[in-house]
Amino acid sequence: MGQRGSADCKCGYGESVTLGGGRSNHLWFAGYPYICRSCSAVFTGNLYDEASSCRHCESSDTSSYEDAALWEPRDAADHAEAFEWGIHIDQPLPEPPKGLLRKLWRKLRGEPKRRSVRREIVLYSGGYRCPKCDEFSLSFQASSFFD
């Protein structure tokens, strides 16, 4: 089950974000907020990908908000968890299709890369770098769950 929420700053910047994945995509998609340095925006990237491109400008000059350099808590309120969520996947990704479709898949995509992931993800409520004003005043709030 994933969560929807928002990233808001005192400068007026705001963006919706998604954490985790739903029932249909949780094995290959783990949404998490990223910052794009090219267009100064927050977007939802995929933690399973080695590099997530910006959804707004398609730049690869991005970083996940897991990066410690993007968080500078100022008080105890910034340490409160905005999202109580974690990735607990200890199983390989599904195999590609069988038969002729599998042969075509392997020609186009190569051998399937199977991986096992087990990570705890924490997103705190405040103290993150805002892409617009460049202050550590961006905060995250959860609003709903989805599946």
Protein backbone atom coordinates (compact mmCIF):
# COMPACT_ATOMS: atom_id res chain seq x y z
CA MET A 1 0.00 0.00 0.00
CA GLY A 2 1.35 3.41 -0.95
CA GLN A 3 0.74 6.87 0.41
CA ARG A 4 -0.03 10.18 -1.23
CA GLY A 5 1.05 13.44 0.28
CA SER A 6 2.43 16.88 -0.35
CA ALA A 7 5.70 18.78 -0.17
CA ASP A 8 5.20 22.37 0.94
CA CYS A 9 7.53 25.26 1.71
CA LYS A 10 6.99 28.58 3.48
CA CYS A 11 8.07 30.32 0.24
CA GLY A 12 4.82 29.11 -1.36
CA TYR A 13 6.22 26.15 -3.30
CA GLY A 14 4.07 23.02 -3.24
CA GLU A 15 3.98 19.69 -5.05
CA SER A 16 2.15 16.40 -4.58
CA VAL A 17 4.27 13.30 -3.93
CA THR A 18 3.73 9.54 -3.71
CA LEU A 19 5.49 7.04 -1.50
CA GLY A 20 5.56 3.34 -2.22
CA GLY A 21 3.55 1.52 -4.81
CA GLY A 22 0.17 -0.06 -5.26
CA ARG A 23 -0.87 -3.65 -5.53
CA SER A 24 -0.20 -3.75 -9.26
CA ASN A 25 3.29 -2.19 -9.31
CA HIS A 26 4.92 -2.59 -5.88
CA LEU A 27 7.44 -5.15 -7.17
CA TRP A 28 9.11 -2.67 -9.54
CA PHE A 29 8.02 0.78 -8.37
CA ALA A 30 8.81 2.38 -5.02
CA GLY A 31 7.82 6.03 -5.23
CA TYR A 32 9.82 8.56 -3.21
CA PRO A 33 10.34 12.33 -3.46
CA TYR A 34 13.28 13.52 -5.55
CA ILE A 35 14.65 16.98 -6.24
CA CYS A 36 15.54 18.16 -9.75
CA ARG A 37 18.34 20.69 -9.89
CA SER A 38 17.64 21.59 -13.53
CA CYS A 39 14.06 22.81 -13.24
CA SER A 40 13.98 23.34 -9.44
CA ALA A 41 11.12 20.95 -8.75
CA VAL A 42 10.13 18.06 -6.51
CA PHE A 43 8.84 14.94 -8.24
CA THR A 44 8.11 11.32 -7.43
CA GLY A 45 10.92 9.05 -8.58
CA ASN A 46 11.46 5.31 -8.34
CA LEU A 47 13.87 4.11 -5.65
CA TYR A 48 14.35 0.83 -7.54
CA ASP A 49 15.93 2.69 -10.47
CA GLU A 50 19.59 3.57 -10.16
CA ALA A 51 18.81 7.06 -11.49
CA SER A 52 15.38 8.69 -11.75
CA SER A 53 14.80 11.31 -14.43
CA CYS A 54 12.70 14.35 -13.61
CA ARG A 55 9.03 13.96 -14.55
CA HIS A 56 8.83 17.67 -15.43
CA CYS A 57 11.92 18.29 -17.60
CA GLU A 58 13.40 14.76 -18.04
CA SER A 59 16.76 15.89 -16.59
CA SER A 60 18.98 13.32 -14.90
CA ASP A 61 20.44 15.94 -12.51
CA THR A 62 18.29 14.64 -9.64
CA SER A 63 18.72 13.35 -6.09
CA SER A 64 16.47 11.42 -3.78
CA TYR A 65 15.48 13.13 -0.55
CA GLU A 66 17.21 10.17 1.14
CA ASP A 67 20.43 12.14 0.54
CA ALA A 68 21.56 13.45 3.94
CA ALA A 69 22.81 16.70 2.34
CA LEU A 70 19.18 17.61 1.55
CA TRP A 71 17.99 17.47 5.18
CA GLU A 72 18.92 19.86 7.95
CA PRO A 73 16.47 19.54 10.87
CA ARG A 74 16.02 22.69 12.95
CA ASP A 75 13.88 21.45 15.83
CA ALA A 76 12.20 18.35 17.25
CA ALA A 77 9.16 18.83 14.97
CA ASP A 78 11.39 18.24 11.92
CA HIS A 79 12.25 14.79 13.33
CA ALA A 80 8.63 13.61 13.40
CA GLU A 81 7.89 10.99 10.74
CA ALA A 82 5.60 12.38 8.05
CA PHE A 83 5.29 9.01 6.35
CA GLU A 84 5.46 5.73 8.23
CA TRP A 85 6.44 3.55 5.34
CA GLY A 86 9.12 1.10 4.36
CA ILE A 87 10.05 -1.23 1.56
CA HIS A 88 10.00 -4.80 2.78
CA ILE A 89 10.44 -6.74 -0.43
CA ASP A 90 12.52 -9.82 -0.05
CA GLN A 91 11.56 -11.51 -3.30
CA PRO A 92 12.87 -11.36 -6.87
CA LEU A 93 11.10 -9.43 -9.59
CA PRO A 94 8.75 -11.56 -11.74
CA GLU A 95 10.11 -13.45 -14.71
CA PRO A 96 9.40 -12.09 -18.20
CA PRO A 97 6.79 -13.85 -20.36
CA LYS A 98 7.28 -17.42 -21.69
CA GLY A 99 7.63 -18.73 -25.26
CA LEU A 100 8.09 -16.54 -28.33
CA LEU A 101 7.33 -13.38 -26.38
CA ARG A 102 10.17 -14.30 -23.98
CA LYS A 103 12.64 -14.64 -26.87
CA LEU A 104 11.62 -11.22 -28.18
CA TRP A 105 11.86 -9.78 -24.64
CA ARG A 106 15.42 -11.12 -24.25
CA LYS A 107 16.47 -9.70 -27.63
CA LEU A 108 15.15 -6.25 -26.73
CA ARG A 109 15.88 -6.13 -23.00
CA GLY A 110 18.56 -8.79 -22.43
CA GLU A 111 18.52 -11.28 -19.60
CA PRO A 112 16.15 -10.32 -16.80
CA LYS A 113 17.83 -8.69 -13.85
CA ARG A 114 16.56 -10.26 -10.69
CA ARG A 115 17.13 -8.45 -7.45
CA SER A 116 16.11 -8.70 -3.88
CA VAL A 117 15.51 -5.51 -1.94
CA ARG A 118 14.99 -4.98 1.76
CA ARG A 119 15.09 -1.36 2.90
CA GLU A 120 13.60 0.82 5.56
CA ILE A 121 12.58 4.23 4.23
CA VAL A 122 12.01 7.22 6.48
CA LEU A 123 10.69 10.58 5.38
CA TYR A 124 10.58 13.14 8.16
CA SER A 125 8.12 16.01 8.37
CA GLY A 126 10.44 18.98 7.84
CA GLY A 127 13.87 20.47 7.36
CA TYR A 128 14.38 19.49 3.71
CA ARG A 129 15.95 21.71 1.04
CA CYS A 130 13.36 23.52 -1.06
CA PRO A 131 14.14 23.50 -4.80
CA LYS A 132 12.78 27.04 -5.28
CA CYS A 133 14.11 29.13 -2.35
CA ASP A 134 17.09 26.84 -1.53
CA GLU A 135 16.27 27.00 2.21
CA PHE A 136 15.85 23.98 4.47
CA SER A 137 12.17 24.74 4.96
CA LEU A 138 10.43 22.09 2.81
CA SER A 139 8.05 19.85 4.76
CA PHE A 140 6.18 16.68 3.85
CA GLN A 141 2.69 15.67 4.92
CA ALA A 142 0.79 12.45 4.27
CA SER A 143 -2.79 12.82 3.05
CA SER A 144 -4.12 9.41 1.95
CA PHE A 145 -3.37 5.77 1.19
CA PHE A 146 -3.80 3.98 -2.14
CA ASP A 147 -3.57 0.43 -3.33
